Amino acid sequence: KISPAYMLEDAGIRWHGAVASHFPPAFRAFLEANGVHADNYSVEDVPRYIRVNPRSALTQEEVERQLPRSEPVGWLPGYYRLPADVKIAACDAYRRGDLYGIDLASGAAVAALGVLPGEAVLDMCCAPGAKLCALADALQLSGSVTGVDVSEERLFAARTLW
C-alpha cells in the first residue's frame, strides 16, 4: 500500500505526491494537463535488453548459460530481457562483441521500419549506436545507413561500435 505524504487531485485523477513532488512544476503541469498519472514514473526495476549480433554464432542456449536470468523477447527475435541488476559487461559474449545492450524501443523501431537490403536509411537520433548497428545488420551489407545526433559525446560512443 502506498502511503504518500500528500495527494493532488485534478480532473478526478489522484496523484501520489511522493512521486510527483520531485518533478519540476512545468513537468507536473504537463502530466496533469494530459491526464498522465505521475505514478507511471515510479518504476524501480526497469529491465535491460540485449541483442545478439547476427554475425555471431551465439546460440540461445549459450546466452542463457552466460546470462541465466535472461528471457527471450518473443516478438523480437535475437533480443533478450534482463533484470535491471544484471551487468552484461562481465559476460564473455559481450566482451567478444557477440551481444550488446539496446533499448527495446530501438529494436521495435528497427523491426517496424522493415529495412530491406539495398535501401538507404537515415537515423536522426543514432547515439549511442545500438539502433544504428541493428539498421546496418538489416541491410545485410547492401545499402547505406547514416546516423546523426545532437550530442557529440554520444556520437563518440556510436563511433566506437564499428
C-alpha atoms as a PDB file:
ATOM      1  CA  LYS A   1       0.000   0.000   0.000  1.00  0.00           C
ATOM      2  CA  ILE A   2       1.281   3.445  -0.951  1.00  0.00           C
ATOM      3  CA  SER A   3       1.329   5.936   1.856  1.00  0.00           C
ATOM      4  CA  PRO A   4       2.145   9.241   0.150  1.00  0.00           C
ATOM      5  CA  ALA A   5       2.966  12.382   2.058  1.00  0.00           C
ATOM      6  CA  TYR A   6       0.158  14.175   0.270  1.00  0.00           C
ATOM      7  CA  MET A   7      -2.080  13.758  -2.746  1.00  0.00           C
ATOM      8  CA  LEU A   8      -3.063  16.082  -5.547  1.00  0.00           C
ATOM      9  CA  GLU A   9      -6.388  15.876  -7.320  1.00  0.00           C
ATOM     10  CA  ASP A  10      -7.079  17.213 -10.779  1.00  0.00           C
ATOM     11  CA  ALA A  11      -9.953  16.225 -13.040  1.00  0.00           C
ATOM     12  CA  GLY A  12     -10.632  13.135 -10.960  1.00  0.00           C
ATOM     13  CA  ILE A  13      -7.035  11.877 -11.200  1.00  0.00           C
ATOM     14  CA  ARG A  14      -5.352  11.128  -7.900  1.00  0.00           C
ATOM     15  CA  TRP A  15      -1.674  11.957  -7.874  1.00  0.00           C
ATOM     16  CA  HIS A  16       0.628  10.477  -5.273  1.00  0.00           C
ATOM     17  CA  GLY A  17       2.725  13.357  -4.015  1.00  0.00           C
ATOM     18  CA  ALA A  18       5.573  11.031  -3.055  1.00  0.00           C
ATOM     19  CA  VAL A  19       6.366  10.641  -6.768  1.00  0.00           C
ATOM     20  CA  ALA A  20       5.175  13.939  -8.238  1.00  0.00           C
ATOM     21  CA  SER A  21       6.757  16.091  -5.537  1.00  0.00           C
ATOM     22  CA  HIS A  22      10.208  15.500  -7.079  1.00  0.00           C
ATOM     23  CA  PHE A  23       9.191  16.710 -10.551  1.00  0.00           C
ATOM     24  CA  PRO A  24       9.725  20.264 -11.813  1.00  0.00           C
ATOM     25  CA  PRO A  25       6.470  22.268 -11.710  1.00  0.00           C
ATOM     26  CA  ALA A  26       6.300  22.540 -15.516  1.00  0.00           C
ATOM     27  CA  PHE A  27       6.526  18.750 -15.872  1.00  0.00           C
ATOM     28  CA  ARG A  28       3.825  18.193 -13.226  1.00  0.00           C
ATOM     29  CA  ALA A  29       1.590  20.666 -15.076  1.00  0.00           C
ATOM     30  CA  PHE A  30       2.228  18.822 -18.362  1.00  0.00           C
ATOM     31  CA  LEU A  31       1.326  15.455 -16.807  1.00  0.00           C
ATOM     32  CA  GLU A  32      -1.826  16.827 -15.216  1.00  0.00           C
ATOM     33  CA  ALA A  33      -2.935  18.624 -18.394  1.00  0.00           C
ATOM     34  CA  ASN A  34      -2.541  15.407 -20.398  1.00  0.00           C
ATOM     35  CA  GLY A  35      -4.057  13.010 -17.894  1.00  0.00           C
ATOM     36  CA  VAL A  36      -0.807  11.103 -17.342  1.00  0.00           C
ATOM     37  CA  HIS A  37      -0.601   9.636 -13.872  1.00  0.00           C
ATOM     38  CA  ALA A  38       2.613  10.553 -12.056  1.00  0.00           C
ATOM     39  CA  ASP A  39       2.909   7.028 -10.661  1.00  0.00           C
ATOM     40  CA  ASN A  40       3.883   5.911 -14.172  1.00  0.00           C
ATOM     41  CA  TYR A  41       7.281   7.345 -13.271  1.00  0.00           C
ATOM     42  CA  SER A  42       7.714   5.410 -10.030  1.00  0.00           C
ATOM     43  CA  VAL A  43       9.096   2.257 -11.643  1.00  0.00           C
ATOM     44  CA  GLU A  44      12.079   0.960  -9.714  1.00  0.00           C
ATOM     45  CA  ASP A  45      13.158  -2.162 -11.597  1.00  0.00           C
ATOM     46  CA  VAL A  46      13.413  -1.170 -15.259  1.00  0.00           C
ATOM     47  CA  PRO A  47      14.550  -4.201 -17.260  1.00  0.00           C
ATOM     48  CA  ARG A  48      17.529  -4.094 -19.585  1.00  0.00           C
ATOM     49  CA  TYR A  49      17.689  -5.622 -23.032  1.00  0.00           C
ATOM     50  CA  ILE A  50      20.390  -7.176 -25.165  1.00  0.00           C
ATOM     51  CA  ARG A  51      20.561  -8.095 -28.822  1.00  0.00           C
ATOM     52  CA  VAL A  52      22.604 -10.948 -30.243  1.00  0.00           C
ATOM     53  CA  ASN A  53      24.923  -9.833 -33.013  1.00  0.00           C
ATOM     54  CA  PRO A  54      23.557 -11.640 -36.110  1.00  0.00           C
ATOM     55  CA  ARG A  55      27.121 -12.250 -37.338  1.00  0.00           C
ATOM     56  CA  SER A  56      27.789 -14.195 -34.144  1.00  0.00           C
ATOM     57  CA  ALA A  57      27.417 -17.949 -33.756  1.00  0.00           C
ATOM     58  CA  LEU A  58      25.970 -17.386 -30.266  1.00  0.00           C
ATOM     59  CA  THR A  59      23.026 -19.711 -29.599  1.00  0.00           C
ATOM     60  CA  GLN A  60      20.059 -19.163 -27.314  1.00  0.00           C
ATOM     61  CA  GLU A  61      21.426 -21.890 -25.053  1.00  0.00           C
ATOM     62  CA  GLU A  62      24.766 -20.052 -24.778  1.00  0.00           C
ATOM     63  CA  VAL A  63      23.038 -16.730 -23.996  1.00  0.00           C
ATOM     64  CA  GLU A  64      21.018 -18.446 -21.267  1.00  0.00           C
ATOM     65  CA  ARG A  65      24.142 -20.173 -19.908  1.00  0.00           C
ATOM     66  CA  GLN A  66      26.117 -16.923 -19.685  1.00  0.00           C
ATOM     67  CA  LEU A  67      23.127 -14.850 -18.544  1.00  0.00           C
ATOM     68  CA  PRO A  68      20.934 -17.342 -16.647  1.00  0.00           C
ATOM     69  CA  ARG A  69      18.272 -14.764 -15.784  1.00  0.00           C
ATOM     70  CA  SER A  70      17.771 -13.725 -19.421  1.00  0.00           C
ATOM     71  CA  GLU A  71      14.433 -14.261 -21.159  1.00  0.00           C
ATOM     72  CA  PRO A  72      13.912 -14.163 -24.931  1.00  0.00           C
ATOM     73  CA  VAL A  73      11.652 -11.350 -26.187  1.00  0.00           C
ATOM     74  CA  GLY A  74       9.139 -13.464 -28.107  1.00  0.00           C
ATOM     75  CA  TRP A  75       8.066 -10.849 -30.625  1.00  0.00           C
ATOM     76  CA  LEU A  76      11.600  -9.611 -31.366  1.00  0.00           C
ATOM     77  CA  PRO A  77      13.975 -12.430 -32.413  1.00  0.00           C
ATOM     78  CA  GLY A  78      17.520 -12.178 -31.101  1.00  0.00           C
ATOM     79  CA  TYR A  79      16.551  -9.893 -28.187  1.00  0.00           C
ATOM     80  CA  TYR A  80      16.592 -10.840 -24.511  1.00  0.00           C
ATOM     81  CA  ARG A  81      15.216  -9.207 -21.379  1.00  0.00           C
ATOM     82  CA  LEU A  82      17.415  -8.980 -18.288  1.00  0.00           C
ATOM     83  CA  PRO A  83      16.666  -7.821 -14.748  1.00  0.00           C
ATOM     84  CA  ALA A  84      17.990  -4.321 -14.048  1.00  0.00           C
ATOM     85  CA  ASP A  85      20.742  -5.573 -11.734  1.00  0.00           C
ATOM     86  CA  VAL A  86      22.420  -7.828 -14.336  1.00  0.00           C
ATOM     87  CA  LYS A  87      25.698  -6.358 -15.592  1.00  0.00           C
ATOM     88  CA  ILE A  88      26.429  -7.516 -19.134  1.00  0.00           C
ATOM     89  CA  ALA A  89      29.978  -6.139 -19.123  1.00  0.00           C
ATOM     90  CA  ALA A  90      31.072  -9.198 -17.110  1.00  0.00           C
ATOM     91  CA  CYS A  91      29.698 -11.561 -19.765  1.00  0.00           C
ATOM     92  CA  ASP A  92      32.204 -13.174 -22.173  1.00  0.00           C
ATOM     93  CA  ALA A  93      29.773 -12.879 -25.098  1.00  0.00           C
ATOM     94  CA  TYR A  94      29.530  -9.127 -24.528  1.00  0.00           C
ATOM     95  CA  ARG A  95      33.308  -8.708 -24.376  1.00  0.00           C
ATOM     96  CA  ARG A  96      33.644 -10.660 -27.647  1.00  0.00           C
ATOM     97  CA  GLY A  97      31.030  -8.477 -29.365  1.00  0.00           C
ATOM     98  CA  ASP A  98      28.527 -11.319 -29.699  1.00  0.00           C
ATOM     99  CA  LEU A  99      25.825  -9.294 -27.972  1.00  0.00           C
ATOM    100  CA  TYR A 100      25.235  -5.729 -26.935  1.00  0.00           C
ATOM    101  CA  GLY A 101      22.857  -3.671 -24.863  1.00  0.00           C
ATOM    102  CA  ILE A 102      19.995  -1.948 -26.650  1.00  0.00           C
ATOM    103  CA  ASP A 103      16.814  -0.170 -25.698  1.00  0.00           C
ATOM    104  CA  LEU A 104      13.787  -2.286 -26.582  1.00  0.00           C
ATOM    105  CA  ALA A 105      12.074   0.709 -28.212  1.00  0.00           C
ATOM    106  CA  SER A 106      15.028   0.980 -30.612  1.00  0.00           C
ATOM    107  CA  GLY A 107      14.693  -2.675 -31.542  1.00  0.00           C
ATOM    108  CA  ALA A 108      10.961  -2.244 -32.073  1.00  0.00           C
ATOM    109  CA  ALA A 109      11.589   0.801 -34.297  1.00  0.00           C
ATOM    110  CA  VAL A 110      14.008  -1.165 -36.483  1.00  0.00           C
ATOM    111  CA  ALA A 111      11.561  -4.072 -36.758  1.00  0.00           C
ATOM    112  CA  ALA A 112       8.662  -1.744 -37.603  1.00  0.00           C
ATOM    113  CA  LEU A 113      10.692   0.049 -40.250  1.00  0.00           C
ATOM    114  CA  GLY A 114      11.220  -3.214 -42.130  1.00  0.00           C
ATOM    115  CA  VAL A 115      14.546  -2.210 -43.672  1.00  0.00           C
ATOM    116  CA  LEU A 116      15.476  -4.233 -46.751  1.00  0.00           C
ATOM    117  CA  PRO A 117      18.912  -4.842 -48.272  1.00  0.00           C
ATOM    118  CA  GLY A 118      19.837  -2.133 -50.770  1.00  0.00           C
ATOM    119  CA  GLU A 119      17.896   0.665 -49.076  1.00  0.00           C
ATOM    120  CA  ALA A 120      19.284   3.918 -47.685  1.00  0.00           C
ATOM    121  CA  VAL A 121      18.390   4.674 -44.060  1.00  0.00           C
ATOM    122  CA  LEU A 122      18.828   7.898 -42.087  1.00  0.00           C
ATOM    123  CA  ASP A 123      18.785   7.633 -38.277  1.00  0.00           C
ATOM    124  CA  MET A 124      18.219  11.135 -36.868  1.00  0.00           C
ATOM    125  CA  CYS A 125      18.836  10.081 -33.235  1.00  0.00           C
ATOM    126  CA  CYS A 126      21.547   7.480 -33.635  1.00  0.00           C
ATOM    127  CA  ALA A 127      23.609   7.669 -30.470  1.00  0.00           C
ATOM    128  CA  PRO A 128      24.823   5.687 -28.667  1.00  0.00           C
ATOM    129  CA  GLY A 129      24.664   3.415 -31.729  1.00  0.00           C
ATOM    130  CA  ALA A 130      22.879   0.143 -30.968  1.00  0.00           C
ATOM    131  CA  LYS A 131      19.903   1.022 -33.194  1.00  0.00           C
ATOM    132  CA  LEU A 132      22.304   2.127 -35.918  1.00  0.00           C
ATOM    133  CA  CYS A 133      24.001  -1.292 -35.748  1.00  0.00           C
ATOM    134  CA  ALA A 134      20.647  -3.076 -35.937  1.00  0.00           C
ATOM    135  CA  LEU A 135      19.743  -0.994 -39.011  1.00  0.00           C
ATOM    136  CA  ALA A 136      23.083  -1.815 -40.636  1.00  0.00           C
ATOM    137  CA  ASP A 137      22.558  -5.512 -39.893  1.00  0.00           C
ATOM    138  CA  ALA A 138      19.112  -5.379 -41.530  1.00  0.00           C
ATOM    139  CA  LEU A 139      20.746  -4.031 -44.708  1.00  0.00           C
ATOM    140  CA  GLN A 140      22.905  -7.179 -44.893  1.00  0.00           C
ATOM    141  CA  LEU A 141      25.918  -5.294 -46.285  1.00  0.00           C
ATOM    142  CA  SER A 142      23.870  -3.903 -49.173  1.00  0.00           C
ATOM    143  CA  GLY A 143      22.689  -0.303 -48.889  1.00  0.00           C
ATOM    144  CA  SER A 144      23.636   2.560 -46.624  1.00  0.00           C
ATOM    145  CA  VAL A 145      22.864   3.802 -43.155  1.00  0.00           C
ATOM    146  CA  THR A 146      23.677   7.309 -41.969  1.00  0.00           C
ATOM    147  CA  GLY A 147      23.459   8.331 -38.341  1.00  0.00           C
ATOM    148  CA  VAL A 148      23.282  11.827 -36.891  1.00  0.00           C
ATOM    149  CA  ASP A 149      22.778  13.020 -33.344  1.00  0.00           C
ATOM    150  CA  VAL A 150      22.838  16.350 -31.500  1.00  0.00           C
ATOM    151  CA  SER A 151      25.165  15.040 -28.777  1.00  0.00           C
ATOM    152  CA  GLU A 152      28.849  14.949 -29.688  1.00  0.00           C
ATOM    153  CA  GLU A 153      29.630  12.813 -26.618  1.00  0.00           C
ATOM    154  CA  ARG A 154      27.013  10.221 -27.564  1.00  0.00           C
ATOM    155  CA  LEU A 155      28.198  10.255 -31.197  1.00  0.00           C
ATOM    156  CA  PHE A 156      31.675   9.398 -29.943  1.00  0.00           C
ATOM    157  CA  ALA A 157      30.175   6.307 -28.269  1.00  0.00           C
ATOM    158  CA  ALA A 158      28.420   5.369 -31.520  1.00  0.00           C
ATOM    159  CA  ARG A 159      31.675   5.617 -33.465  1.00  0.00           C
ATOM    160  CA  THR A 160      33.322   3.063 -31.180  1.00  0.00           C
ATOM    161  CA  LEU A 161      30.867   0.350 -32.251  1.00  0.00           C
ATOM    162  CA  TRP A 162      32.323  -0.033 -35.751  1.00  0.00           C
END
